[in-house]
Amino acid sequence: MSANDGDDRDPTENNSFVPVIAGTVLIGVAAFGFSLLLKTPFAAQFSLEPNDFLIGVIATLPLVLFLWWFTNTDIASLAAFRDSQIEFFASLGFEFTPARTALMALAAGISEELLFRGVLMTWMQYFMPLVVAVILSNIVFGILHMRTALYALIAGCVGVYLSILFIATGNLLAPITTHILYDAVALEYTRRAIAGARRTGAL
């Protein structure tokens, strides 16, 4: 009997996890490159302040409450969008596991905050009003996440929230913490939703 008996999934499907993580890590590499090019050093924007870490943890709660509402809403258009996102993540070609969701959350939270809050927004505010820098940098942030227009809009709004958190604390640690924790919760929800849909035959 082979190790794959009883499992119809292709054992090579998990190879697709590597380019997903690699792409996210490349965002972090790009952030470091642009920080040097645009003279926006991270050291001046990041410190291991316990209070700012705690603020980041607390600031996760509104996002998690929004996610809870979104995952339970009966509004037809949003429910259809929610189901389409589950189908999208299920089609990525690898199994979501707790370890993988944690790694994805860490990679995205650190890389994206360094690039969009630490570099892009910071650089923009050198030569334009802060509110404009926040809006423009998060339009780019939303576009990066544009699987659908609604998804891009939600991502952009979350980006504005993270930008306000960065402005309020002056420390990238706060939005990085919030981003990591929220992504971890959202990806864990996704993992369980995919498993549940497969059990019921919805996927």
N, C-alpha and C. Protein backbone atom coordinates (compact mmCIF):
# COMPACT_ATOMS: atom_id res chain seq x y z
N MET A 1 0.85 -1.20 0.00
CA MET A 1 0.00 0.00 0.00
C MET A 1 0.88 1.24 0.00
N SER A 2 0.60 2.19 -0.88
CA SER A 2 1.42 3.40 -0.95
C SER A 2 0.97 4.41 0.09
N ALA A 3 1.85 5.37 0.35
CA ALA A 3 1.54 6.40 1.36
C ALA A 3 0.39 7.29 0.94
N ASN A 4 0.10 7.32 -0.36
CA ASN A 4 -0.94 8.21 -0.85
C ASN A 4 -2.30 7.55 -0.98
N ASP A 5 -2.41 6.22 -0.65
CA ASP A 5 -3.70 5.56 -0.74
C ASP A 5 -4.70 6.28 0.16
N GLY A 6 -5.88 6.52 -0.39
CA GLY A 6 -6.94 7.19 0.36
C GLY A 6 -6.84 8.70 0.30
N ASP A 7 -5.83 9.22 -0.42
CA ASP A 7 -5.68 10.66 -0.55
C ASP A 7 -5.52 10.98 -2.02
N ASP A 8 -6.52 11.62 -2.60
CA ASP A 8 -6.50 11.91 -4.03
C ASP A 8 -5.70 13.15 -4.39
N ARG A 9 -5.23 13.91 -3.38
CA ARG A 9 -4.50 15.12 -3.69
C ARG A 9 -3.11 14.81 -4.21
N ASP A 10 -2.67 15.61 -5.15
CA ASP A 10 -1.35 15.47 -5.74
C ASP A 10 -0.29 15.77 -4.68
N PRO A 11 0.64 14.86 -4.38
CA PRO A 11 1.64 15.12 -3.34
C PRO A 11 2.57 16.26 -3.68
N THR A 12 2.61 16.69 -4.94
CA THR A 12 3.49 17.80 -5.32
C THR A 12 2.80 19.15 -5.17
N GLU A 13 1.51 19.15 -4.79
CA GLU A 13 0.77 20.41 -4.76
C GLU A 13 1.35 21.39 -3.76
N ASN A 14 1.97 20.88 -2.69
CA ASN A 14 2.48 21.76 -1.67
C ASN A 14 3.69 22.57 -2.13
N ASN A 15 4.27 22.20 -3.28
CA ASN A 15 5.38 22.97 -3.81
C ASN A 15 4.97 24.40 -4.13
N SER A 16 3.69 24.64 -4.35
CA SER A 16 3.23 25.99 -4.68
C SER A 16 3.29 26.92 -3.47
N PHE A 17 3.45 26.38 -2.28
CA PHE A 17 3.57 27.23 -1.09
C PHE A 17 4.87 28.04 -1.13
N VAL A 18 5.92 27.45 -1.69
CA VAL A 18 7.23 28.11 -1.72
C VAL A 18 7.19 29.43 -2.50
N PRO A 19 6.66 29.45 -3.75
CA PRO A 19 6.62 30.74 -4.44
C PRO A 19 5.71 31.77 -3.78
N VAL A 20 4.66 31.32 -3.08
CA VAL A 20 3.80 32.26 -2.37
C VAL A 20 4.59 32.98 -1.28
N ILE A 21 5.32 32.21 -0.48
CA ILE A 21 6.15 32.80 0.58
C ILE A 21 7.29 33.61 -0.03
N ALA A 22 7.89 33.07 -1.09
CA ALA A 22 9.00 33.79 -1.72
C ALA A 22 8.56 35.15 -2.24
N GLY A 23 7.35 35.21 -2.82
CA GLY A 23 6.84 36.48 -3.31
C GLY A 23 6.66 37.49 -2.19
N THR A 24 6.19 37.01 -1.04
CA THR A 24 6.00 37.91 0.10
C THR A 24 7.33 38.39 0.65
N VAL A 25 8.30 37.48 0.72
CA VAL A 25 9.64 37.85 1.19
C VAL A 25 10.27 38.87 0.26
N LEU A 26 10.02 38.72 -1.04
CA LEU A 26 10.57 39.68 -2.01
C LEU A 26 10.04 41.09 -1.77
N ILE A 27 8.81 41.19 -1.26
CA ILE A 27 8.27 42.51 -0.91
C ILE A 27 9.14 43.13 0.18
N GLY A 28 9.55 42.31 1.15
CA GLY A 28 10.43 42.80 2.20
C GLY A 28 11.79 43.20 1.67
N VAL A 29 12.32 42.42 0.74
CA VAL A 29 13.61 42.75 0.12
C VAL A 29 13.49 44.08 -0.64
N ALA A 30 12.36 44.23 -1.37
CA ALA A 30 12.12 45.48 -2.08
C ALA A 30 12.03 46.66 -1.11
N ALA A 31 11.42 46.42 0.04
CA ALA A 31 11.30 47.48 1.04
C ALA A 31 12.68 47.96 1.49
N PHE A 32 13.59 47.03 1.75
CA PHE A 32 14.93 47.42 2.16
C PHE A 32 15.64 48.18 1.04
N GLY A 33 15.48 47.71 -0.18
CA GLY A 33 16.09 48.40 -1.31
C GLY A 33 15.58 49.81 -1.47
N PHE A 34 14.26 49.97 -1.43
CA PHE A 34 13.66 51.29 -1.59
C PHE A 34 13.98 52.20 -0.40
N SER A 35 14.14 51.61 0.78
CA SER A 35 14.48 52.43 1.95
C SER A 35 15.84 53.09 1.77
N LEU A 36 16.76 52.38 1.13
CA LEU A 36 18.07 52.96 0.86
C LEU A 36 17.99 53.98 -0.27
N LEU A 37 17.25 53.63 -1.31
CA LEU A 37 17.14 54.52 -2.46
C LEU A 37 16.44 55.82 -2.11
N LEU A 38 15.37 55.71 -1.31
CA LEU A 38 14.55 56.89 -0.98
C LEU A 38 14.92 57.53 0.35
N LYS A 39 15.96 56.97 0.99
CA LYS A 39 16.48 57.51 2.26
C LYS A 39 15.40 57.55 3.34
N THR A 40 14.76 56.40 3.53
CA THR A 40 13.77 56.26 4.61
C THR A 40 14.19 55.08 5.48
N PRO A 41 15.23 55.23 6.29
CA PRO A 41 15.77 54.11 7.08
C PRO A 41 14.77 53.60 8.11
N PHE A 42 14.70 52.27 8.24
CA PHE A 42 13.75 51.65 9.17
C PHE A 42 14.15 51.88 10.63
N ALA A 43 15.46 52.00 10.89
CA ALA A 43 15.92 52.11 12.27
C ALA A 43 15.30 53.29 13.00
N ALA A 44 15.04 54.36 12.24
CA ALA A 44 14.44 55.55 12.85
C ALA A 44 12.95 55.39 13.10
N GLN A 45 12.36 54.33 12.56
CA GLN A 45 10.90 54.16 12.63
C GLN A 45 10.48 52.92 13.43
N PHE A 46 11.44 52.19 13.94
CA PHE A 46 11.12 50.93 14.61
C PHE A 46 11.87 50.84 15.93
N SER A 47 11.14 50.51 16.99
CA SER A 47 11.76 50.25 18.29
C SER A 47 10.91 49.24 19.04
N LEU A 48 11.58 48.45 19.86
CA LEU A 48 10.89 47.39 20.62
C LEU A 48 10.30 47.95 21.91
N GLU A 49 9.32 48.82 21.73
CA GLU A 49 8.64 49.44 22.87
C GLU A 49 7.46 48.57 23.30
N PRO A 50 7.47 48.06 24.53
CA PRO A 50 6.36 47.20 24.99
C PRO A 50 4.99 47.86 24.85
N ASN A 51 4.90 49.16 25.14
CA ASN A 51 3.61 49.84 25.05
C ASN A 51 3.08 49.85 23.62
N ASP A 52 3.97 50.06 22.65
CA ASP A 52 3.54 50.08 21.25
C ASP A 52 3.16 48.70 20.77
N PHE A 53 3.85 47.67 21.30
CA PHE A 53 3.45 46.29 20.99
C PHE A 53 2.05 46.02 21.54
N LEU A 54 1.80 46.47 22.77
CA LEU A 54 0.48 46.27 23.37
C LEU A 54 -0.59 47.02 22.60
N ILE A 55 -0.27 48.23 22.15
CA ILE A 55 -1.22 48.98 21.31
C ILE A 55 -1.54 48.20 20.04
N GLY A 56 -0.50 47.60 19.44
CA GLY A 56 -0.71 46.80 18.24
C GLY A 56 -1.62 45.61 18.49
N VAL A 57 -1.45 44.98 19.65
CA VAL A 57 -2.31 43.85 20.01
C VAL A 57 -3.76 44.31 20.18
N ILE A 58 -3.95 45.38 20.93
CA ILE A 58 -5.30 45.89 21.18
C ILE A 58 -5.96 46.35 19.88
N ALA A 59 -5.16 46.96 19.00
CA ALA A 59 -5.70 47.49 17.75
C ALA A 59 -6.16 46.39 16.80
N THR A 60 -5.78 45.16 17.09
CA THR A 60 -6.24 44.04 16.27
C THR A 60 -7.73 43.77 16.49
N LEU A 61 -8.22 44.09 17.66
CA LEU A 61 -9.59 43.72 18.03
C LEU A 61 -10.65 44.27 17.07
N PRO A 62 -10.63 45.56 16.69
CA PRO A 62 -11.65 46.03 15.74
C PRO A 62 -11.62 45.28 14.41
N LEU A 63 -10.44 44.94 13.93
CA LEU A 63 -10.33 44.19 12.67
C LEU A 63 -10.90 42.79 12.82
N VAL A 64 -10.63 42.15 13.95
CA VAL A 64 -11.16 40.82 14.19
C VAL A 64 -12.68 40.86 14.32
N LEU A 65 -13.20 41.90 14.97
CA LEU A 65 -14.66 42.05 15.08
C LEU A 65 -15.29 42.25 13.71
N PHE A 66 -14.62 43.02 12.85
CA PHE A 66 -15.11 43.18 11.48
C PHE A 66 -15.09 41.84 10.75
N LEU A 67 -14.01 41.09 10.92
CA LEU A 67 -13.92 39.77 10.27
C LEU A 67 -15.04 38.86 10.76
N TRP A 68 -15.31 38.90 12.07
CA TRP A 68 -16.38 38.06 12.62
C TRP A 68 -17.72 38.45 11.99
N TRP A 69 -17.98 39.76 11.89
CA TRP A 69 -19.22 40.20 11.26
C TRP A 69 -19.27 39.74 9.81
N PHE A 70 -18.17 39.92 9.10
CA PHE A 70 -18.12 39.58 7.69
C PHE A 70 -18.36 38.08 7.47
N THR A 71 -17.81 37.26 8.34
CA THR A 71 -17.96 35.82 8.16
C THR A 71 -19.33 35.31 8.57
N ASN A 72 -20.12 36.16 9.24
CA ASN A 72 -21.44 35.72 9.69
C ASN A 72 -22.59 36.49 9.05
N THR A 73 -22.28 37.48 8.20
CA THR A 73 -23.33 38.29 7.62
C THR A 73 -24.17 37.48 6.62
N ASP A 74 -25.46 37.81 6.57
CA ASP A 74 -26.36 37.17 5.62
C ASP A 74 -26.61 38.04 4.40
N ILE A 75 -25.93 39.19 4.31
CA ILE A 75 -26.08 40.04 3.13
C ILE A 75 -25.61 39.25 1.91
N ALA A 76 -26.49 39.11 0.94
CA ALA A 76 -26.24 38.17 -0.16
C ALA A 76 -24.95 38.47 -0.92
N SER A 77 -24.74 39.74 -1.26
CA SER A 77 -23.55 40.09 -2.04
C SER A 77 -22.27 39.82 -1.28
N LEU A 78 -22.28 40.11 0.02
CA LEU A 78 -21.09 39.87 0.83
C LEU A 78 -20.87 38.37 1.07
N ALA A 79 -21.97 37.64 1.24
CA ALA A 79 -21.85 36.19 1.42
C ALA A 79 -21.27 35.54 0.17
N ALA A 80 -21.71 36.02 -1.01
CA ALA A 80 -21.18 35.48 -2.26
C ALA A 80 -19.70 35.82 -2.40
N PHE A 81 -19.34 37.05 -2.03
CA PHE A 81 -17.93 37.45 -2.06
C PHE A 81 -17.11 36.59 -1.11
N ARG A 82 -17.63 36.37 0.09
CA ARG A 82 -16.95 35.54 1.09
C ARG A 82 -16.71 34.14 0.55
N ASP A 83 -17.72 33.55 -0.07
CA ASP A 83 -17.58 32.20 -0.61
C ASP A 83 -16.55 32.17 -1.75
N SER A 84 -16.54 33.23 -2.55
CA SER A 84 -15.58 33.27 -3.67
C SER A 84 -14.15 33.36 -3.16
N GLN A 85 -13.95 34.02 -2.03
CA GLN A 85 -12.61 34.11 -1.46
C GLN A 85 -12.15 32.77 -0.91
N ILE A 86 -13.07 32.03 -0.30
CA ILE A 86 -12.73 30.69 0.18
C ILE A 86 -12.34 29.80 -0.99
N GLU A 87 -13.08 29.89 -2.08
CA GLU A 87 -12.75 29.10 -3.28
C GLU A 87 -11.39 29.50 -3.84
N PHE A 88 -11.10 30.80 -3.82
CA PHE A 88 -9.81 31.28 -4.32
C PHE A 88 -8.67 30.69 -3.51
N PHE A 89 -8.76 30.80 -2.18
CA PHE A 89 -7.67 30.29 -1.35
C PHE A 89 -7.55 28.77 -1.43
N ALA A 90 -8.69 28.11 -1.61
CA ALA A 90 -8.65 26.65 -1.75
C ALA A 90 -7.96 26.22 -3.05
N SER A 91 -7.94 27.12 -4.03
CA SER A 91 -7.37 26.79 -5.34
C SER A 91 -5.90 27.14 -5.46
N LEU A 92 -5.28 27.62 -4.40
CA LEU A 92 -3.89 28.08 -4.48
C LEU A 92 -2.91 26.94 -4.73
N GLY A 93 -3.31 25.70 -4.41
CA GLY A 93 -2.44 24.58 -4.74
C GLY A 93 -1.65 24.03 -3.58
N PHE A 94 -1.96 24.48 -2.35
CA PHE A 94 -1.30 23.89 -1.19
C PHE A 94 -2.27 23.85 -0.02
N GLU A 95 -2.00 22.96 0.90
CA GLU A 95 -2.85 22.81 2.07
C GLU A 95 -2.50 23.87 3.11
N PHE A 96 -3.51 24.52 3.65
CA PHE A 96 -3.30 25.45 4.75
C PHE A 96 -3.12 24.65 6.03
N THR A 97 -2.03 24.87 6.71
CA THR A 97 -1.78 24.25 8.01
C THR A 97 -1.52 25.38 9.01
N PRO A 98 -1.64 25.12 10.31
CA PRO A 98 -1.35 26.18 11.29
C PRO A 98 0.05 26.77 11.11
N ALA A 99 1.04 25.93 10.84
CA ALA A 99 2.41 26.43 10.67
C ALA A 99 2.51 27.33 9.44
N ARG A 100 1.87 26.93 8.37
CA ARG A 100 1.92 27.73 7.14
C ARG A 100 1.17 29.05 7.30
N THR A 101 0.02 29.03 7.95
CA THR A 101 -0.71 30.28 8.14
C THR A 101 0.08 31.24 9.02
N ALA A 102 0.78 30.69 10.03
CA ALA A 102 1.60 31.54 10.89
C ALA A 102 2.75 32.16 10.09
N LEU A 103 3.38 31.36 9.25
CA LEU A 103 4.49 31.86 8.43
C LEU A 103 4.01 32.91 7.43
N MET A 104 2.86 32.67 6.82
CA MET A 104 2.30 33.64 5.88
C MET A 104 1.97 34.95 6.58
N ALA A 105 1.40 34.86 7.78
CA ALA A 105 1.05 36.07 8.52
C ALA A 105 2.29 36.86 8.89
N LEU A 106 3.33 36.18 9.36
CA LEU A 106 4.58 36.85 9.72
C LEU A 106 5.21 37.53 8.50
N ALA A 107 5.31 36.78 7.40
CA ALA A 107 5.95 37.31 6.20
C ALA A 107 5.20 38.52 5.66
N ALA A 108 3.88 38.41 5.56
CA ALA A 108 3.09 39.51 5.02
C ALA A 108 3.08 40.71 5.97
N GLY A 109 2.90 40.45 7.25
CA GLY A 109 2.83 41.55 8.21
C GLY A 109 4.10 42.37 8.26
N ILE A 110 5.23 41.71 8.25
CA ILE A 110 6.50 42.43 8.32
C ILE A 110 6.81 43.10 6.98
N SER A 111 6.76 42.32 5.89
CA SER A 111 7.17 42.84 4.57
C SER A 111 6.29 43.99 4.12
N GLU A 112 4.97 43.82 4.22
CA GLU A 112 4.07 44.85 3.71
C GLU A 112 4.11 46.13 4.55
N GLU A 113 4.26 45.98 5.86
CA GLU A 113 4.35 47.20 6.69
C GLU A 113 5.65 47.95 6.44
N LEU A 114 6.75 47.22 6.27
CA LEU A 114 8.01 47.89 5.95
C LEU A 114 7.90 48.67 4.65
N LEU A 115 7.29 48.06 3.63
CA LEU A 115 7.21 48.70 2.33
C LEU A 115 6.20 49.85 2.30
N PHE A 116 4.99 49.60 2.78
CA PHE A 116 3.92 50.59 2.58
C PHE A 116 3.87 51.66 3.66
N ARG A 117 4.09 51.31 4.91
CA ARG A 117 4.13 52.32 5.95
C ARG A 117 5.56 52.84 6.15
N GLY A 118 6.52 51.93 6.22
CA GLY A 118 7.89 52.33 6.52
C GLY A 118 8.58 53.08 5.41
N VAL A 119 8.27 52.75 4.15
CA VAL A 119 8.94 53.39 3.03
C VAL A 119 8.01 54.31 2.25
N LEU A 120 6.96 53.75 1.65
CA LEU A 120 6.16 54.52 0.70
C LEU A 120 5.46 55.71 1.35
N MET A 121 4.72 55.46 2.43
CA MET A 121 4.01 56.56 3.09
C MET A 121 4.99 57.57 3.67
N THR A 122 6.05 57.06 4.30
CA THR A 122 7.04 57.95 4.90
C THR A 122 7.71 58.84 3.85
N TRP A 123 8.05 58.26 2.72
CA TRP A 123 8.67 59.02 1.64
C TRP A 123 7.71 60.05 1.07
N MET A 124 6.46 59.66 0.86
CA MET A 124 5.48 60.58 0.28
C MET A 124 5.24 61.80 1.15
N GLN A 125 5.28 61.62 2.47
CA GLN A 125 4.96 62.76 3.33
C GLN A 125 6.09 63.78 3.39
N TYR A 126 7.22 63.47 2.77
CA TYR A 126 8.29 64.46 2.65
C TYR A 126 7.87 65.62 1.75
N PHE A 127 7.02 65.34 0.76
CA PHE A 127 6.71 66.38 -0.24
C PHE A 127 5.22 66.53 -0.50
N MET A 128 4.36 66.00 0.37
CA MET A 128 2.93 66.21 0.24
C MET A 128 2.29 66.14 1.62
N PRO A 129 1.07 66.67 1.77
CA PRO A 129 0.40 66.59 3.07
C PRO A 129 0.25 65.14 3.53
N LEU A 130 0.31 64.94 4.84
CA LEU A 130 0.27 63.59 5.40
C LEU A 130 -0.98 62.84 4.98
N VAL A 131 -2.14 63.50 4.99
CA VAL A 131 -3.38 62.82 4.64
C VAL A 131 -3.34 62.31 3.20
N VAL A 132 -2.71 63.09 2.31
CA VAL A 132 -2.58 62.66 0.92
C VAL A 132 -1.64 61.47 0.81
N ALA A 133 -0.56 61.52 1.58
CA ALA A 133 0.39 60.41 1.59
C ALA A 133 -0.28 59.12 2.07
N VAL A 134 -1.12 59.25 3.09
CA VAL A 134 -1.84 58.08 3.60
C VAL A 134 -2.77 57.50 2.54
N ILE A 135 -3.53 58.37 1.89
CA ILE A 135 -4.51 57.91 0.89
C ILE A 135 -3.81 57.29 -0.31
N LEU A 136 -2.80 57.97 -0.85
CA LEU A 136 -2.13 57.47 -2.05
C LEU A 136 -1.38 56.17 -1.79
N SER A 137 -0.68 56.08 -0.67
CA SER A 137 0.07 54.86 -0.38
C SER A 137 -0.87 53.68 -0.20
N ASN A 138 -2.07 53.93 0.32
CA ASN A 138 -3.01 52.83 0.53
C ASN A 138 -3.84 52.51 -0.70
N ILE A 139 -3.89 53.43 -1.65
CA ILE A 139 -4.43 53.07 -2.96
C ILE A 139 -3.51 52.03 -3.60
N VAL A 140 -2.20 52.28 -3.49
CA VAL A 140 -1.23 51.30 -4.01
C VAL A 140 -1.34 49.99 -3.24
N PHE A 141 -1.50 50.07 -1.92
CA PHE A 141 -1.66 48.89 -1.08
C PHE A 141 -2.88 48.08 -1.51
N GLY A 142 -3.98 48.77 -1.77
CA GLY A 142 -5.19 48.09 -2.22
C GLY A 142 -5.01 47.44 -3.57
N ILE A 143 -4.34 48.15 -4.48
CA ILE A 143 -4.10 47.59 -5.82
C ILE A 143 -3.27 46.32 -5.74
N LEU A 144 -2.29 46.28 -4.83
CA LEU A 144 -1.48 45.08 -4.66
C LEU A 144 -2.34 43.88 -4.28
N HIS A 145 -3.46 44.14 -3.60
CA HIS A 145 -4.35 43.07 -3.15
C HIS A 145 -5.58 42.90 -4.05
N MET A 146 -5.52 43.43 -5.27
CA MET A 146 -6.72 43.46 -6.10
C MET A 146 -7.01 42.11 -6.76
N ARG A 147 -7.57 41.20 -5.96
CA ARG A 147 -8.14 39.99 -6.57
C ARG A 147 -9.53 40.33 -7.11
N THR A 148 -10.23 41.20 -6.39
CA THR A 148 -11.48 41.79 -6.86
C THR A 148 -11.47 43.24 -6.40
N ALA A 149 -12.36 44.06 -6.97
CA ALA A 149 -12.42 45.46 -6.57
C ALA A 149 -12.80 45.60 -5.10
N LEU A 150 -13.73 44.77 -4.63
CA LEU A 150 -14.14 44.85 -3.23
C LEU A 150 -13.00 44.45 -2.31
N TYR A 151 -12.26 43.42 -2.68
CA TYR A 151 -11.13 42.99 -1.86
C TYR A 151 -10.09 44.11 -1.78
N ALA A 152 -9.83 44.77 -2.91
CA ALA A 152 -8.87 45.87 -2.93
C ALA A 152 -9.35 47.02 -2.05
N LEU A 153 -10.65 47.31 -2.09
CA LEU A 153 -11.21 48.38 -1.27
C LEU A 153 -11.05 48.07 0.21
N ILE A 154 -11.38 46.84 0.59
CA ILE A 154 -11.24 46.43 2.00
C ILE A 154 -9.78 46.52 2.43
N ALA A 155 -8.88 46.01 1.58
CA ALA A 155 -7.44 46.07 1.91
C ALA A 155 -6.98 47.50 2.05
N GLY A 156 -7.43 48.38 1.16
CA GLY A 156 -7.05 49.78 1.25
C GLY A 156 -7.52 50.43 2.54
N CYS A 157 -8.74 50.11 2.95
CA CYS A 157 -9.27 50.66 4.21
C CYS A 157 -8.49 50.14 5.41
N VAL A 158 -8.15 48.85 5.38
CA VAL A 158 -7.33 48.30 6.46
C VAL A 158 -5.97 48.98 6.47
N GLY A 159 -5.43 49.26 5.27
CA GLY A 159 -4.16 49.95 5.18
C GLY A 159 -4.22 51.34 5.80
N VAL A 160 -5.30 52.06 5.58
CA VAL A 160 -5.47 53.38 6.20
C VAL A 160 -5.48 53.25 7.72
N TYR A 161 -6.17 52.24 8.22
CA TYR A 161 -6.22 51.98 9.66
C TYR A 161 -4.81 51.74 10.21
N LEU A 162 -4.02 50.93 9.49
CA LEU A 162 -2.65 50.64 9.92
C LEU A 162 -1.78 51.89 9.84
N SER A 163 -2.02 52.72 8.83
CA SER A 163 -1.26 53.97 8.70
C SER A 163 -1.54 54.89 9.87
N ILE A 164 -2.80 55.00 10.28
CA ILE A 164 -3.16 55.83 11.43
C ILE A 164 -2.48 55.31 12.69
N LEU A 165 -2.43 54.00 12.80
CA LEU A 165 -1.76 53.37 13.96
C LEU A 165 -0.28 53.73 13.97
N PHE A 166 0.34 53.71 12.80
CA PHE A 166 1.76 54.08 12.69
C PHE A 166 1.97 55.55 13.04
N ILE A 167 1.10 56.40 12.53
CA ILE A 167 1.21 57.83 12.81
C ILE A 167 1.03 58.10 14.31
N ALA A 168 0.09 57.43 14.93
CA ALA A 168 -0.22 57.66 16.35
C ALA A 168 0.92 57.23 17.25
N THR A 169 1.61 56.16 16.89
CA THR A 169 2.68 55.64 17.75
C THR A 169 4.07 56.08 17.31
N GLY A 170 4.22 56.40 16.01
CA GLY A 170 5.55 56.70 15.48
C GLY A 170 6.46 55.51 15.46
N ASN A 171 5.88 54.31 15.52
CA ASN A 171 6.67 53.08 15.64
C ASN A 171 6.06 52.02 14.74
N LEU A 172 6.84 51.50 13.82
CA LEU A 172 6.35 50.44 12.92
C LEU A 172 5.96 49.17 13.67
N LEU A 173 6.46 49.01 14.89
CA LEU A 173 6.13 47.82 15.66
C LEU A 173 4.62 47.66 15.83
N ALA A 174 3.91 48.78 16.02
CA ALA A 174 2.47 48.71 16.27
C ALA A 174 1.71 48.17 15.06
N PRO A 175 1.83 48.77 13.85
CA PRO A 175 1.11 48.22 12.71
C PRO A 175 1.61 46.84 12.29
N ILE A 176 2.89 46.56 12.47
CA ILE A 176 3.40 45.22 12.16
C ILE A 176 2.71 44.20 13.05
N THR A 177 2.61 44.50 14.35
CA THR A 177 1.95 43.58 15.28
C THR A 177 0.50 43.35 14.90
N THR A 178 -0.22 44.44 14.64
CA THR A 178 -1.63 44.33 14.26
C THR A 178 -1.79 43.54 12.97
N HIS A 179 -0.96 43.84 11.98
CA HIS A 179 -1.04 43.17 10.68
C HIS A 179 -0.80 41.67 10.83
N ILE A 180 0.23 41.30 11.58
CA ILE A 180 0.54 39.88 11.77
C ILE A 180 -0.61 39.16 12.47
N LEU A 181 -1.09 39.74 13.56
CA LEU A 181 -2.14 39.07 14.34
C LEU A 181 -3.43 38.96 13.54
N TYR A 182 -3.80 40.04 12.83
CA TYR A 182 -5.03 39.98 12.04
C TYR A 182 -4.91 38.94 10.93
N ASP A 183 -3.79 38.94 10.22
CA ASP A 183 -3.61 37.96 9.15
C ASP A 183 -3.64 36.54 9.70
N ALA A 184 -3.05 36.34 10.87
CA ALA A 184 -3.06 35.01 11.48
C ALA A 184 -4.49 34.55 11.76
N VAL A 185 -5.31 35.45 12.30
CA VAL A 185 -6.71 35.11 12.58
C VAL A 185 -7.47 34.87 11.28
N ALA A 186 -7.29 35.75 10.30
CA ALA A 186 -8.01 35.63 9.03
C ALA A 186 -7.61 34.35 8.28
N LEU A 187 -6.32 34.02 8.29
CA LEU A 187 -5.87 32.82 7.59
C LEU A 187 -6.30 31.55 8.32
N GLU A 188 -6.37 31.62 9.65
CA GLU A 188 -6.87 30.47 10.39
C GLU A 188 -8.36 30.25 10.11
N TYR A 189 -9.11 31.35 10.04
CA TYR A 189 -10.51 31.23 9.63
C TYR A 189 -10.61 30.61 8.25
N THR A 190 -9.77 31.07 7.33
CA THR A 190 -9.77 30.54 5.96
C THR A 190 -9.46 29.04 5.96
N ARG A 191 -8.46 28.66 6.75
CA ARG A 191 -8.09 27.23 6.82
C ARG A 191 -9.27 26.38 7.28
N ARG A 192 -9.95 26.85 8.31
CA ARG A 192 -11.08 26.08 8.84
C ARG A 192 -12.26 26.10 7.87
N ALA A 193 -12.46 27.24 7.19
CA ALA A 193 -13.57 27.33 6.24
C ALA A 193 -13.34 26.39 5.06
N ILE A 194 -12.11 26.30 4.58
CA ILE A 194 -11.79 25.38 3.49
C ILE A 194 -12.02 23.95 3.92
N ALA A 195 -11.55 23.61 5.12
CA ALA A 195 -11.74 22.24 5.63
C ALA A 195 -13.22 21.91 5.77
N GLY A 196 -14.00 22.87 6.29
CA GLY A 196 -15.43 22.64 6.44
C GLY A 196 -16.13 22.49 5.11
N ALA A 197 -15.77 23.30 4.12
CA ALA A 197 -16.38 23.21 2.80
C ALA A 197 -16.05 21.89 2.12
N ARG A 198 -14.86 21.38 2.36
CA ARG A 198 -14.50 20.09 1.79
C ARG A 198 -15.26 18.95 2.45
N ARG A 199 -15.47 19.08 3.75
CA ARG A 199 -16.21 18.03 4.45
C ARG A 199 -17.65 17.95 3.97
N THR A 200 -18.23 19.09 3.64
CA THR A 200 -19.63 19.13 3.21
C THR A 200 -19.79 18.95 1.70
N GLY A 201 -18.66 18.87 1.01
CA GLY A 201 -18.71 18.70 -0.44
C GLY A 201 -18.92 19.99 -1.21
N ALA A 202 -18.81 21.14 -0.52
CA ALA A 202 -18.97 22.42 -1.19
C ALA A 202 -17.78 22.76 -2.09
N LEU A 203 -16.63 22.12 -1.78
CA LEU A 203 -15.43 22.33 -2.60
C LEU A 203 -15.00 21.00 -3.20
